Amino acid sequence: MVVGMPEADEGRRRLLALHRELACRSTSEKYFLSYRDAAKVHPSLTHQDAHTITRAFARLGVIKFLHPGKAGLKRGEAAEFSREPFRATRVDATR
């Protein structure tokens, strides 16, 4: 279940699970994720969807942005996130 989104669809649950996994595997206090890569977790997601959903997660306090990244297919920068929310609370992205 996604905190604050009890009826979240499979795409949202998988996206949150990806954030959780990257945070857990990070050896520093942050991790990086591009929206194009994030969209690959489920066939229903586009990179625009991944961006919108990630922003919603941040508003809910489930994830924390450190840097929003920069758009661009070849010159873009991945967004930077803190792993703090995943250490502070248990997030279960499965049903």
Foldseek 3Di string as FASTA:
>chain_A
DAVPCPPDDPLLLQLLVVVLVQLVPDPDQKGWDQLCRSQVSDVVRHSVNSLVSVVVCVVSVQWPWPACWADDDPPTGTTMTGSVSVVVDPGRSDD
